[in-house]
Amino acid sequence: MALPKGAGALNERITFQKQTASVDEVGNHINTWSDFFTCWSAVSTSRLNTTEKNEAGQTLEQERLDFVVRYCQQTSEVNSTEYRIIFKGQIYNIVHLDKADFQKQMLKFSALLVRR
């Protein structure tokens, strides 16, 4: 994937959320999501835009998007196990992080839409 041209290519606002574990008053472990960082992103459909999966006897389409953001301290901390992306009110689970092609200029996150 080529780098986006100019700041105008980073024209969509996204929020990274981080998962944290806490313990409630009776000792139950609770996973919660909190906003970690908001930034501008170039959003595009992935080369593997949609796939299908079988779940509970149904064939469901999975929407996959690529999010390209500028490299910075906050985005360099993001990984696929503790973080997710919020884009236009939808939740996207990060499934792949591409650092190699951009030489600490940009990062590309591939993510799947979460069905609720």
PDB file of N, CA and C in Angstrom:
ATOM      1  N   MET A   1       0.851  -1.181   0.000  1.00  0.00           N
ATOM      2  CA  MET A   1       0.000   0.000   0.000  1.00  0.00           C
ATOM      3  C   MET A   1       0.889   1.234   0.000  1.00  0.00           C
ATOM      4  N   ALA A   2       0.588   2.178  -0.830  1.00  0.00           N
ATOM      5  CA  ALA A   2       1.358   3.418  -0.909  1.00  0.00           C
ATOM      6  C   ALA A   2       0.970   4.341   0.242  1.00  0.00           C
ATOM      7  N   LEU A   3       1.887   5.198   0.610  1.00  0.00           N
ATOM      8  CA  LEU A   3       1.593   6.190   1.628  1.00  0.00           C
ATOM      9  C   LEU A   3       0.528   7.150   1.126  1.00  0.00           C
ATOM     10  N   PRO A   4      -0.394   7.589   2.005  1.00  0.00           N
ATOM     11  CA  PRO A   4      -1.358   8.601   1.592  1.00  0.00           C
ATOM     12  C   PRO A   4      -0.632   9.881   1.203  1.00  0.00           C
ATOM     13  N   LYS A   5      -1.122  10.572   0.200  1.00  0.00           N
ATOM     14  CA  LYS A   5      -0.509  11.805  -0.279  1.00  0.00           C
ATOM     15  C   LYS A   5      -1.060  13.004   0.485  1.00  0.00           C
ATOM     16  N   GLY A   6      -0.204  13.675   1.228  1.00  0.00           N
ATOM     17  CA  GLY A   6      -0.582  14.906   1.913  1.00  0.00           C
ATOM     18  C   GLY A   6      -1.511  14.681   3.088  1.00  0.00           C
ATOM     19  N   ALA A   7      -1.693  15.716   3.861  1.00  0.00           N
ATOM     20  CA  ALA A   7      -2.540  15.633   5.045  1.00  0.00           C
ATOM     21  C   ALA A   7      -3.999  15.428   4.695  1.00  0.00           C
ATOM     22  N   GLY A   8      -4.415  15.827   3.505  1.00  0.00           N
ATOM     23  CA  GLY A   8      -5.800  15.667   3.102  1.00  0.00           C
ATOM     24  C   GLY A   8      -6.233  14.220   3.010  1.00  0.00           C
ATOM     25  N   ALA A   9      -5.284  13.306   2.805  1.00  0.00           N
ATOM     26  CA  ALA A   9      -5.626  11.891   2.720  1.00  0.00           C
ATOM     27  C   ALA A   9      -6.018  11.334   4.085  1.00  0.00           C
ATOM     28  N   LEU A  10      -5.524  11.943   5.146  1.00  0.00           N
ATOM     29  CA  LEU A  10      -5.897  11.524   6.502  1.00  0.00           C
ATOM     30  C   LEU A  10      -7.113  12.343   6.916  1.00  0.00           C
ATOM     31  N   ASN A  11      -8.267  11.946   6.418  1.00  0.00           N
ATOM     32  CA  ASN A  11      -9.447  12.793   6.554  1.00  0.00           C
ATOM     33  C   ASN A  11     -10.573  12.200   7.392  1.00  0.00           C
ATOM     34  N   GLU A  12     -10.313  11.085   8.073  1.00  0.00           N
ATOM     35  CA  GLU A  12     -11.334  10.477   8.918  1.00  0.00           C
ATOM     36  C   GLU A  12     -10.810  10.376  10.346  1.00  0.00           C
ATOM     37  N   ARG A  13     -11.667  10.718  11.293  1.00  0.00           N
ATOM     38  CA  ARG A  13     -11.291  10.685  12.702  1.00  0.00           C
ATOM     39  C   ARG A  13     -11.594   9.288  13.259  1.00  0.00           C
ATOM     40  N   ILE A  14     -10.609   8.663  13.913  1.00  0.00           N
ATOM     41  CA  ILE A  14     -10.826   7.374  14.562  1.00  0.00           C
ATOM     42  C   ILE A  14     -10.344   7.460  16.006  1.00  0.00           C
ATOM     43  N   THR A  15     -10.846   6.562  16.833  1.00  0.00           N
ATOM     44  CA  THR A  15     -10.436   6.487  18.227  1.00  0.00           C
ATOM     45  C   THR A  15      -9.950   5.077  18.513  1.00  0.00           C
ATOM     46  N   PHE A  16      -8.774   4.987  19.110  1.00  0.00           N
ATOM     47  CA  PHE A  16      -8.281   3.706  19.602  1.00  0.00           C
ATOM     48  C   PHE A  16      -8.763   3.564  21.038  1.00  0.00           C
ATOM     49  N   GLN A  17      -9.297   2.406  21.355  1.00  0.00           N
ATOM     50  CA  GLN A  17      -9.686   2.119  22.725  1.00  0.00           C
ATOM     51  C   GLN A  17      -8.822   0.999  23.264  1.00  0.00           C
ATOM     52  N   LYS A  18      -8.501   1.084  24.574  1.00  0.00           N
ATOM     53  CA  LYS A  18      -7.675   0.077  25.229  1.00  0.00           C
ATOM     54  C   LYS A  18      -8.522  -0.697  26.231  1.00  0.00           C
ATOM     55  N   GLN A  19      -8.296  -2.004  26.240  1.00  0.00           N
ATOM     56  CA  GLN A  19      -9.002  -2.869  27.166  1.00  0.00           C
ATOM     57  C   GLN A  19      -8.242  -2.929  28.484  1.00  0.00           C
ATOM     58  N   THR A  20      -8.970  -2.762  29.582  1.00  0.00           N
ATOM     59  CA  THR A  20      -8.369  -2.877  30.898  1.00  0.00           C
ATOM     60  C   THR A  20      -9.215  -3.820  31.739  1.00  0.00           C
ATOM     61  N   ALA A  21      -8.577  -4.504  32.631  1.00  0.00           N
ATOM     62  CA  ALA A  21      -9.277  -5.411  33.541  1.00  0.00           C
ATOM     63  C   ALA A  21      -9.352  -4.771  34.913  1.00  0.00           C
ATOM     64  N   SER A  22     -10.489  -4.912  35.537  1.00  0.00           N
ATOM     65  CA  SER A  22     -10.657  -4.409  36.900  1.00  0.00           C
ATOM     66  C   SER A  22     -11.433  -5.458  37.699  1.00  0.00           C
ATOM     67  N   VAL A  23     -11.518  -5.244  38.985  1.00  0.00           N
ATOM     68  CA  VAL A  23     -12.229  -6.163  39.869  1.00  0.00           C
ATOM     69  C   VAL A  23     -13.342  -5.385  40.552  1.00  0.00           C
ATOM     70  N   ASP A  24     -14.567  -5.939  40.502  1.00  0.00           N
ATOM     71  CA  ASP A  24     -15.689  -5.247  41.150  1.00  0.00           C
ATOM     72  C   ASP A  24     -15.697  -5.550  42.646  1.00  0.00           C
ATOM     73  N   GLU A  25     -16.721  -5.034  43.354  1.00  0.00           N
ATOM     74  CA  GLU A  25     -16.770  -5.132  44.813  1.00  0.00           C
ATOM     75  C   GLU A  25     -16.896  -6.557  45.337  1.00  0.00           C
ATOM     76  N   VAL A  26     -17.335  -7.513  44.498  1.00  0.00           N
ATOM     77  CA  VAL A  26     -17.446  -8.907  44.947  1.00  0.00           C
ATOM     78  C   VAL A  26     -16.341  -9.794  44.377  1.00  0.00           C
ATOM     79  N   GLY A  27     -15.362  -9.193  43.709  1.00  0.00           N
ATOM     80  CA  GLY A  27     -14.210  -9.938  43.232  1.00  0.00           C
ATOM     81  C   GLY A  27     -14.290 -10.453  41.808  1.00  0.00           C
ATOM     82  N   ASN A  28     -15.330 -10.077  41.066  1.00  0.00           N
ATOM     83  CA  ASN A  28     -15.436 -10.495  39.667  1.00  0.00           C
ATOM     84  C   ASN A  28     -14.498  -9.663  38.795  1.00  0.00           C
ATOM     85  N   HIS A  29     -13.818 -10.319  37.855  1.00  0.00           N
ATOM     86  CA  HIS A  29     -12.961  -9.607  36.914  1.00  0.00           C
ATOM     87  C   HIS A  29     -13.829  -9.064  35.780  1.00  0.00           C
ATOM     88  N   ILE A  30     -13.672  -7.782  35.490  1.00  0.00           N
ATOM     89  CA  ILE A  30     -14.472  -7.109  34.472  1.00  0.00           C
ATOM     90  C   ILE A  30     -13.527  -6.461  33.461  1.00  0.00           C
ATOM     91  N   ASN A  31     -13.749  -6.749  32.188  1.00  0.00           N
ATOM     92  CA  ASN A  31     -12.987  -6.094  31.124  1.00  0.00           C
ATOM     93  C   ASN A  31     -13.757  -4.874  30.660  1.00  0.00           C
ATOM     94  N   THR A  32     -13.090  -3.731  30.634  1.00  0.00           N
ATOM     95  CA  THR A  32     -13.730  -2.503  30.170  1.00  0.00           C
ATOM     96  C   THR A  32     -12.860  -1.871  29.087  1.00  0.00           C
ATOM     97  N   TRP A  33     -13.488  -1.063  28.243  1.00  0.00           N
ATOM     98  CA  TRP A  33     -12.795  -0.349  27.173  1.00  0.00           C
ATOM     99  C   TRP A  33     -12.814   1.131  27.497  1.00  0.00           C
ATOM    100  N   SER A  34     -11.661   1.767  27.345  1.00  0.00           N
ATOM    101  CA  SER A  34     -11.594   3.220  27.547  1.00  0.00           C
ATOM    102  C   SER A  34     -10.841   3.848  26.383  1.00  0.00           C
ATOM    103  N   ASP A  35     -11.218   5.078  26.053  1.00  0.00           N
ATOM    104  CA  ASP A  35     -10.559   5.788  24.958  1.00  0.00           C
ATOM    105  C   ASP A  35      -9.082   5.974  25.292  1.00  0.00           C
ATOM    106  N   PHE A  36      -8.226   5.633  24.347  1.00  0.00           N
ATOM    107  CA  PHE A  36      -6.784   5.741  24.521  1.00  0.00           C
ATOM    108  C   PHE A  36      -6.215   6.916  23.737  1.00  0.00           C
ATOM    109  N   PHE A  37      -6.661   7.064  22.471  1.00  0.00           N
ATOM    110  CA  PHE A  37      -6.056   8.059  21.586  1.00  0.00           C
ATOM    111  C   PHE A  37      -6.981   8.281  20.390  1.00  0.00           C
ATOM    112  N   THR A  38      -7.161   9.520  19.996  1.00  0.00           N
ATOM    113  CA  THR A  38      -7.940   9.860  18.805  1.00  0.00           C
ATOM    114  C   THR A  38      -7.019  10.536  17.812  1.00  0.00           C
ATOM    115  N   CYS A  39      -7.142  10.160  16.526  1.00  0.00           N
ATOM    116  CA  CYS A  39      -6.266  10.731  15.508  1.00  0.00           C
ATOM    117  C   CYS A  39      -6.953  10.711  14.143  1.00  0.00           C
ATOM    118  N   TRP A  40      -6.291  11.331  13.174  1.00  0.00           N
ATOM    119  CA  TRP A  40      -6.770  11.334  11.800  1.00  0.00           C
ATOM    120  C   TRP A  40      -6.242  10.095  11.079  1.00  0.00           C
ATOM    121  N   SER A  41      -7.060   9.574  10.178  1.00  0.00           N
ATOM    122  CA  SER A  41      -6.710   8.339   9.496  1.00  0.00           C
ATOM    123  C   SER A  41      -7.190   8.363   8.054  1.00  0.00           C
ATOM    124  N   ALA A  42      -6.475   7.644   7.198  1.00  0.00           N
ATOM    125  CA  ALA A  42      -6.968   7.330   5.854  1.00  0.00           C
ATOM    126  C   ALA A  42      -7.643   5.972   5.971  1.00  0.00           C
ATOM    127  N   VAL A  43      -8.903   5.893   5.598  1.00  0.00           N
ATOM    128  CA  VAL A  43      -9.667   4.657   5.733  1.00  0.00           C
ATOM    129  C   VAL A  43      -9.978   4.127   4.345  1.00  0.00           C
ATOM    130  N   SER A  44      -9.724   2.857   4.154  1.00  0.00           N
ATOM    131  CA  SER A  44     -10.017   2.239   2.862  1.00  0.00           C
ATOM    132  C   SER A  44     -10.491   0.813   3.081  1.00  0.00           C
ATOM    133  N   THR A  45     -11.159   0.303   2.077  1.00  0.00           N
ATOM    134  CA  THR A  45     -11.549  -1.096   2.155  1.00  0.00           C
ATOM    135  C   THR A  45     -10.315  -1.939   1.947  1.00  0.00           C
ATOM    136  N   SER A  46     -10.241  -2.997   2.667  1.00  0.00           N
ATOM    137  CA  SER A  46      -9.088  -3.884   2.574  1.00  0.00           C
ATOM    138  C   SER A  46      -9.121  -4.641   1.259  1.00  0.00           C
ATOM    139  N   ARG A  47      -7.945  -5.096   0.822  1.00  0.00           N
ATOM    140  CA  ARG A  47      -7.911  -5.960  -0.361  1.00  0.00           C
ATOM    141  C   ARG A  47      -8.787  -7.183  -0.111  1.00  0.00           C
ATOM    142  N   LEU A  48      -8.877  -7.591   1.130  1.00  0.00           N
ATOM    143  CA  LEU A  48      -9.759  -8.683   1.526  1.00  0.00           C
ATOM    144  C   LEU A  48     -11.001  -8.062   2.154  1.00  0.00           C
ATOM    145  N   ASN A  49     -11.677  -7.207   1.393  1.00  0.00           N
ATOM    146  CA  ASN A  49     -12.758  -6.379   1.904  1.00  0.00           C
ATOM    147  C   ASN A  49     -13.776  -7.152   2.722  1.00  0.00           C
ATOM    148  N   THR A  50     -14.321  -8.207   2.179  1.00  0.00           N
ATOM    149  CA  THR A  50     -15.306  -8.970   2.923  1.00  0.00           C
ATOM    150  C   THR A  50     -14.989 -10.448   2.821  1.00  0.00           C
ATOM    151  N   THR A  51     -15.251 -11.121   3.898  1.00  0.00           N
ATOM    152  CA  THR A  51     -15.137 -12.566   3.922  1.00  0.00           C
ATOM    153  C   THR A  51     -16.416 -13.087   4.549  1.00  0.00           C
ATOM    154  N   GLU A  52     -16.598 -14.369   4.475  1.00  0.00           N
ATOM    155  CA  GLU A  52     -17.769 -14.966   5.097  1.00  0.00           C
ATOM    156  C   GLU A  52     -17.316 -15.935   6.164  1.00  0.00           C
ATOM    157  N   LYS A  53     -18.125 -16.050   7.211  1.00  0.00           N
ATOM    158  CA  LYS A  53     -17.861 -17.033   8.249  1.00  0.00           C
ATOM    159  C   LYS A  53     -19.182 -17.661   8.652  1.00  0.00           C
ATOM    160  N   ASN A  54     -19.099 -18.866   9.121  1.00  0.00           N
ATOM    161  CA  ASN A  54     -20.284 -19.556   9.614  1.00  0.00           C
ATOM    162  C   ASN A  54     -20.341 -19.415  11.118  1.00  0.00           C
ATOM    163  N   GLU A  55     -21.491 -18.971  11.606  1.00  0.00           N
ATOM    164  CA  GLU A  55     -21.656 -18.790  13.039  1.00  0.00           C
ATOM    165  C   GLU A  55     -23.086 -19.143  13.390  1.00  0.00           C
ATOM    166  N   ALA A  56     -23.236 -20.077  14.283  1.00  0.00           N
ATOM    167  CA  ALA A  56     -24.554 -20.509  14.746  1.00  0.00           C
ATOM    168  C   ALA A  56     -25.463 -20.881  13.577  1.00  0.00           C
ATOM    169  N   GLY A  57     -24.904 -21.588  12.615  1.00  0.00           N
ATOM    170  CA  GLY A  57     -25.703 -22.048  11.487  1.00  0.00           C
ATOM    171  C   GLY A  57     -26.013 -20.993  10.447  1.00  0.00           C
ATOM    172  N   GLN A  58     -25.425 -19.812  10.568  1.00  0.00           N
ATOM    173  CA  GLN A  58     -25.649 -18.734   9.613  1.00  0.00           C
ATOM    174  C   GLN A  58     -24.338 -18.383   8.928  1.00  0.00           C
ATOM    175  N   THR A  59     -24.442 -17.964   7.670  1.00  0.00           N
ATOM    176  CA  THR A  59     -23.278 -17.445   6.973  1.00  0.00           C
ATOM    177  C   THR A  59     -23.314 -15.932   7.082  1.00  0.00           C
ATOM    178  N   LEU A  60     -22.291 -15.372   7.732  1.00  0.00           N
ATOM    179  CA  LEU A  60     -22.238 -13.927   7.972  1.00  0.00           C
ATOM    180  C   LEU A  60     -21.077 -13.316   7.211  1.00  0.00           C
ATOM    181  N   GLU A  61     -21.321 -12.146   6.635  1.00  0.00           N
ATOM    182  CA  GLU A  61     -20.268 -11.412   5.941  1.00  0.00           C
ATOM    183  C   GLU A  61     -19.494 -10.586   6.958  1.00  0.00           C
ATOM    184  N   GLN A  62     -18.168 -10.573   6.848  1.00  0.00           N
ATOM    185  CA  GLN A  62     -17.333  -9.777   7.738  1.00  0.00           C
ATOM    186  C   GLN A  62     -16.741  -8.614   6.954  1.00  0.00           C
ATOM    187  N   GLU A  63     -17.042  -7.391   7.397  1.00  0.00           N
ATOM    188  CA  GLU A  63     -16.489  -6.200   6.748  1.00  0.00           C
ATOM    189  C   GLU A  63     -15.109  -5.919   7.305  1.00  0.00           C
ATOM    190  N   ARG A  64     -14.151  -5.724   6.406  1.00  0.00           N
ATOM    191  CA  ARG A  64     -12.764  -5.459   6.805  1.00  0.00           C
ATOM    192  C   ARG A  64     -12.321  -4.130   6.221  1.00  0.00           C
ATOM    193  N   LEU A  65     -11.754  -3.257   7.082  1.00  0.00           N
ATOM    194  CA  LEU A  65     -11.242  -1.957   6.650  1.00  0.00           C
ATOM    195  C   LEU A  65      -9.776  -1.835   7.034  1.00  0.00           C
ATOM    196  N   ASP A  66      -9.045  -1.020   6.268  1.00  0.00           N
ATOM    197  CA  ASP A  66      -7.673  -0.663   6.595  1.00  0.00           C
ATOM    198  C   ASP A  66      -7.655   0.779   7.071  1.00  0.00           C
ATOM    199  N   PHE A  67      -6.950   1.021   8.175  1.00  0.00           N
ATOM    200  CA  PHE A  67      -6.805   2.353   8.749  1.00  0.00           C
ATOM    201  C   PHE A  67      -5.315   2.696   8.725  1.00  0.00           C
ATOM    202  N   VAL A  68      -4.947   3.761   8.017  1.00  0.00           N
ATOM    203  CA  VAL A  68      -3.553   4.208   7.956  1.00  0.00           C
ATOM    204  C   VAL A  68      -3.450   5.500   8.760  1.00  0.00           C
ATOM    205  N   VAL A  69      -2.533   5.498   9.735  1.00  0.00           N
ATOM    206  CA  VAL A  69      -2.351   6.657  10.621  1.00  0.00           C
ATOM    207  C   VAL A  69      -0.876   7.038  10.657  1.00  0.00           C
ATOM    208  N   ARG A  70      -0.616   8.266  11.097  1.00  0.00           N
ATOM    209  CA  ARG A  70       0.771   8.696  11.265  1.00  0.00           C
ATOM    210  C   ARG A  70       1.402   7.958  12.449  1.00  0.00           C
ATOM    211  N   TYR A  71       2.651   7.633  12.303  1.00  0.00           N
ATOM    212  CA  TYR A  71       3.405   7.006  13.382  1.00  0.00           C
ATOM    213  C   TYR A  71       3.660   8.039  14.472  1.00  0.00           C
ATOM    214  N   CYS A  72       3.392   7.677  15.719  1.00  0.00           N
ATOM    215  CA  CYS A  72       3.707   8.525  16.871  1.00  0.00           C
ATOM    216  C   CYS A  72       3.827   7.616  18.088  1.00  0.00           C
ATOM    217  N   GLN A  73       4.141   8.175  19.226  1.00  0.00           N
ATOM    218  CA  GLN A  73       4.312   7.371  20.441  1.00  0.00           C
ATOM    219  C   GLN A  73       3.054   6.568  20.758  1.00  0.00           C
ATOM    220  N   GLN A  74       1.879   7.201  20.690  1.00  0.00           N
ATOM    221  CA  GLN A  74       0.634   6.512  21.034  1.00  0.00           C
ATOM    222  C   GLN A  74       0.318   5.379  20.055  1.00  0.00           C
ATOM    223  N   THR A  75       0.421   5.664  18.759  1.00  0.00           N
ATOM    224  CA  THR A  75       0.076   4.615  17.791  1.00  0.00           C
ATOM    225  C   THR A  75       1.095   3.488  17.796  1.00  0.00           C
ATOM    226  N   SER A  76       2.337   3.771  18.168  1.00  0.00           N
ATOM    227  CA  SER A  76       3.347   2.710  18.219  1.00  0.00           C
ATOM    228  C   SER A  76       3.065   1.719  19.346  1.00  0.00           C
ATOM    229  N   GLU A  77       2.273   2.101  20.340  1.00  0.00           N
ATOM    230  CA  GLU A  77       1.924   1.215  21.456  1.00  0.00           C
ATOM    231  C   GLU A  77       0.768   0.277  21.136  1.00  0.00           C
ATOM    232  N   VAL A  78      -0.002   0.579  20.105  1.00  0.00           N
ATOM    233  CA  VAL A  78      -1.216  -0.184  19.794  1.00  0.00           C
ATOM    234  C   VAL A  78      -0.853  -1.576  19.288  1.00  0.00           C
ATOM    235  N   ASN A  79      -1.574  -2.585  19.804  1.00  0.00           N
ATOM    236  CA  ASN A  79      -1.429  -3.951  19.331  1.00  0.00           C
ATOM    237  C   ASN A  79      -2.816  -4.557  19.110  1.00  0.00           C
ATOM    238  N   SER A  80      -2.855  -5.751  18.565  1.00  0.00           N
ATOM    239  CA  SER A  80      -4.144  -6.347  18.193  1.00  0.00           C
ATOM    240  C   SER A  80      -4.848  -7.048  19.347  1.00  0.00           C
ATOM    241  N   THR A  81      -4.191  -7.241  20.470  1.00  0.00           N
ATOM    242  CA  THR A  81      -4.826  -7.965  21.564  1.00  0.00           C
ATOM    243  C   THR A  81      -5.461  -7.062  22.620  1.00  0.00           C
ATOM    244  N   GLU A  82      -4.940  -5.862  22.815  1.00  0.00           N
ATOM    245  CA  GLU A  82      -5.449  -4.976  23.868  1.00  0.00           C
ATOM    246  C   GLU A  82      -6.216  -3.768  23.344  1.00  0.00           C
ATOM    247  N   TYR A  83      -6.241  -3.578  22.030  1.00  0.00           N
ATOM    248  CA  TYR A  83      -6.828  -2.358  21.465  1.00  0.00           C
ATOM    249  C   TYR A  83      -7.864  -2.685  20.397  1.00  0.00           C
ATOM    250  N   ARG A  84      -8.742  -1.725  20.171  1.00  0.00           N
ATOM    251  CA  ARG A  84      -9.708  -1.786  19.074  1.00  0.00           C
ATOM    252  C   ARG A  84      -9.893  -0.373  18.540  1.00  0.00           C
ATOM    253  N   ILE A  85     -10.609  -0.263  17.414  1.00  0.00           N
ATOM    254  CA  ILE A  85     -10.811   1.036  16.759  1.00  0.00           C
ATOM    255  C   ILE A  85     -12.301   1.357  16.721  1.00  0.00           C
ATOM    256  N   ILE A  86     -12.618   2.607  17.018  1.00  0.00           N
ATOM    257  CA  ILE A  86     -13.989   3.106  16.861  1.00  0.00           C
ATOM    258  C   ILE A  86     -13.978   4.047  15.663  1.00  0.00           C
ATOM    259  N   PHE A  87     -14.846   3.747  14.683  1.00  0.00           N
ATOM    260  CA  PHE A  87     -14.937   4.553  13.468  1.00  0.00           C
ATOM    261  C   PHE A  87     -16.404   4.712  13.102  1.00  0.00           C
ATOM    262  N   LYS A  88     -16.854   5.969  13.054  1.00  0.00           N
ATOM    263  CA  LYS A  88     -18.245   6.306  12.738  1.00  0.00           C
ATOM    264  C   LYS A  88     -19.236   5.513  13.596  1.00  0.00           C
ATOM    265  N   GLY A  89     -18.920   5.412  14.892  1.00  0.00           N
ATOM    266  CA  GLY A  89     -19.818   4.750  15.838  1.00  0.00           C
ATOM    267  C   GLY A  89     -19.782   3.231  15.796  1.00  0.00           C
ATOM    268  N   GLN A  90     -18.950   2.665  14.944  1.00  0.00           N
ATOM    269  CA  GLN A  90     -18.836   1.211  14.827  1.00  0.00           C
ATOM    270  C   GLN A  90     -17.543   0.742  15.484  1.00  0.00           C
ATOM    271  N   ILE A  91     -17.553  -0.481  15.987  1.00  0.00           N
ATOM    272  CA  ILE A  91     -16.381  -1.067  16.637  1.00  0.00           C
ATOM    273  C   ILE A  91     -15.685  -1.996  15.645  1.00  0.00           C
ATOM    274  N   TYR A  92     -14.368  -1.844  15.543  1.00  0.00           N
ATOM    275  CA  TYR A  92     -13.553  -2.687  14.671  1.00  0.00           C
ATOM    276  C   TYR A  92     -12.447  -3.337  15.501  1.00  0.00           C
ATOM    277  N   ASN A  93     -12.394  -4.675  15.465  1.00  0.00           N
ATOM    278  CA  ASN A  93     -11.309  -5.410  16.120  1.00  0.00           C
ATOM    279  C   ASN A  93     -10.091  -5.436  15.211  1.00  0.00           C
ATOM    280  N   ILE A  94      -8.956  -5.073  15.747  1.00  0.00           N
ATOM    281  CA  ILE A  94      -7.713  -5.072  14.972  1.00  0.00           C
ATOM    282  C   ILE A  94      -7.256  -6.516  14.780  1.00  0.00           C
ATOM    283  N   VAL A  95      -7.044  -6.897  13.523  1.00  0.00           N
ATOM    284  CA  VAL A  95      -6.598  -8.263  13.231  1.00  0.00           C
ATOM    285  C   VAL A  95      -5.182  -8.305  12.684  1.00  0.00           C
ATOM    286  N   HIS A  96      -4.687  -7.171  12.202  1.00  0.00           N
ATOM    287  CA  HIS A  96      -3.339  -7.144  11.647  1.00  0.00           C
ATOM    288  C   HIS A  96      -2.769  -5.733  11.746  1.00  0.00           C
ATOM    289  N   LEU A  97      -1.489  -5.657  12.066  1.00  0.00           N
ATOM    290  CA  LEU A  97      -0.775  -4.384  12.150  1.00  0.00           C
ATOM    291  C   LEU A  97       0.427  -4.461  11.231  1.00  0.00           C
ATOM    292  N   ASP A  98       0.543  -3.503  10.298  1.00  0.00           N
ATOM    293  CA  ASP A  98       1.639  -3.495   9.336  1.00  0.00           C
ATOM    294  C   ASP A  98       2.546  -2.311   9.640  1.00  0.00           C
ATOM    295  N   LYS A  99       3.723  -2.589  10.205  1.00  0.00           N
ATOM    296  CA  LYS A  99       4.703  -1.546  10.514  1.00  0.00           C
ATOM    297  C   LYS A  99       5.828  -1.509   9.489  1.00  0.00           C
ATOM    298  N   ALA A 100       6.078  -2.601   8.823  1.00  0.00           N
ATOM    299  CA  ALA A 100       7.286  -2.775   8.022  1.00  0.00           C
ATOM    300  C   ALA A 100       7.383  -1.844   6.816  1.00  0.00           C
ATOM    301  N   ASP A 101       6.291  -1.614   6.112  1.00  0.00           N
ATOM    302  CA  ASP A 101       6.341  -0.878   4.859  1.00  0.00           C
ATOM    303  C   ASP A 101       6.549   0.626   5.013  1.00  0.00           C
ATOM    304  N   PHE A 102       6.318   1.166   6.183  1.00  0.00           N
ATOM    305  CA  PHE A 102       6.246   2.610   6.299  1.00  0.00           C
ATOM    306  C   PHE A 102       7.411   3.262   7.024  1.00  0.00           C
ATOM    307  N   GLN A 103       8.372   2.527   7.520  1.00  0.00           N
ATOM    308  CA  GLN A 103       9.601   3.047   8.114  1.00  0.00           C
ATOM    309  C   GLN A 103       9.358   4.162   9.144  1.00  0.00           C
ATOM    310  N   LYS A 104       8.518   3.886  10.097  1.00  0.00           N
ATOM    311  CA  LYS A 104       8.194   4.816  11.191  1.00  0.00           C
ATOM    312  C   LYS A 104       7.605   6.132  10.694  1.00  0.00           C
ATOM    313  N   GLN A 105       6.902   6.098   9.587  1.00  0.00           N
ATOM    314  CA  GLN A 105       6.166   7.268   9.121  1.00  0.00           C
ATOM    315  C   GLN A 105       4.679   7.050   9.309  1.00  0.00           C
ATOM    316  N   MET A 106       4.209   5.864   8.942  1.00  0.00           N
ATOM    317  CA  MET A 106       2.790   5.534   9.001  1.00  0.00           C
ATOM    318  C   MET A 106       2.642   4.118   9.541  1.00  0.00           C
ATOM    319  N   LEU A 107       1.451   3.818  10.052  1.00  0.00           N
ATOM    320  CA  LEU A 107       1.099   2.466  10.476  1.00  0.00           C
ATOM    321  C   LEU A 107      -0.225   2.100   9.822  1.00  0.00           C
ATOM    322  N   LYS A 108      -0.360   0.842   9.426  1.00  0.00           N
ATOM    323  CA  LYS A 108      -1.621   0.386   8.830  1.00  0.00           C
ATOM    324  C   LYS A 108      -2.213  -0.700   9.710  1.00  0.00           C
ATOM    325  N   PHE A 109      -3.457  -0.478  10.108  1.00  0.00           N
ATOM    326  CA  PHE A 109      -4.195  -1.436  10.925  1.00  0.00           C
ATOM    327  C   PHE A 109      -5.320  -2.003  10.061  1.00  0.00           C
ATOM    328  N   SER A 110      -5.384  -3.323   9.963  1.00  0.00           N
ATOM    329  CA  SER A 110      -6.519  -3.984   9.312  1.00  0.00           C
ATOM    330  C   SER A 110      -7.440  -4.453  10.420  1.00  0.00           C
ATOM    331  N   ALA A 111      -8.741  -4.197  10.241  1.00  0.00           N
ATOM    332  CA  ALA A 111      -9.684  -4.487  11.330  1.00  0.00           C
ATOM    333  C   ALA A 111     -11.005  -4.997  10.769  1.00  0.00           C
ATOM    334  N   LEU A 112     -11.667  -5.829  11.577  1.00  0.00           N
ATOM    335  CA  LEU A 112     -12.966  -6.397  11.220  1.00  0.00           C
ATOM    336  C   LEU A 112     -14.067  -5.737  12.028  1.00  0.00           C
ATOM    337  N   LEU A 113     -15.174  -5.438  11.360  1.00  0.00           N
ATOM    338  CA  LEU A 113     -16.343  -4.858  12.025  1.00  0.00           C
ATOM    339  C   LEU A 113     -16.906  -5.860  13.030  1.00  0.00           C
ATOM    340  N   VAL A 114     -17.218  -5.384  14.232  1.00  0.00           N
ATOM    341  CA  VAL A 114     -17.824  -6.224  15.266  1.00  0.00           C
ATOM    342  C   VAL A 114     -19.324  -6.166  15.103  1.00  0.00           C
ATOM    343  N   ARG A 115     -19.931  -7.318  15.002  1.00  0.00           N
ATOM    344  CA  ARG A 115     -21.395  -7.389  14.934  1.00  0.00           C
ATOM    345  C   ARG A 115     -21.938  -7.443  16.349  1.00  0.00           C
ATOM    346  N   ARG A 116     -22.913  -6.547  16.628  1.00  0.00           N
ATOM    347  CA  ARG A 116     -23.502  -6.519  17.983  1.00  0.00           C
ATOM    348  C   ARG A 116     -24.955  -6.876  17.915  1.00  0.00           C
TER     349      ARG A 116
END
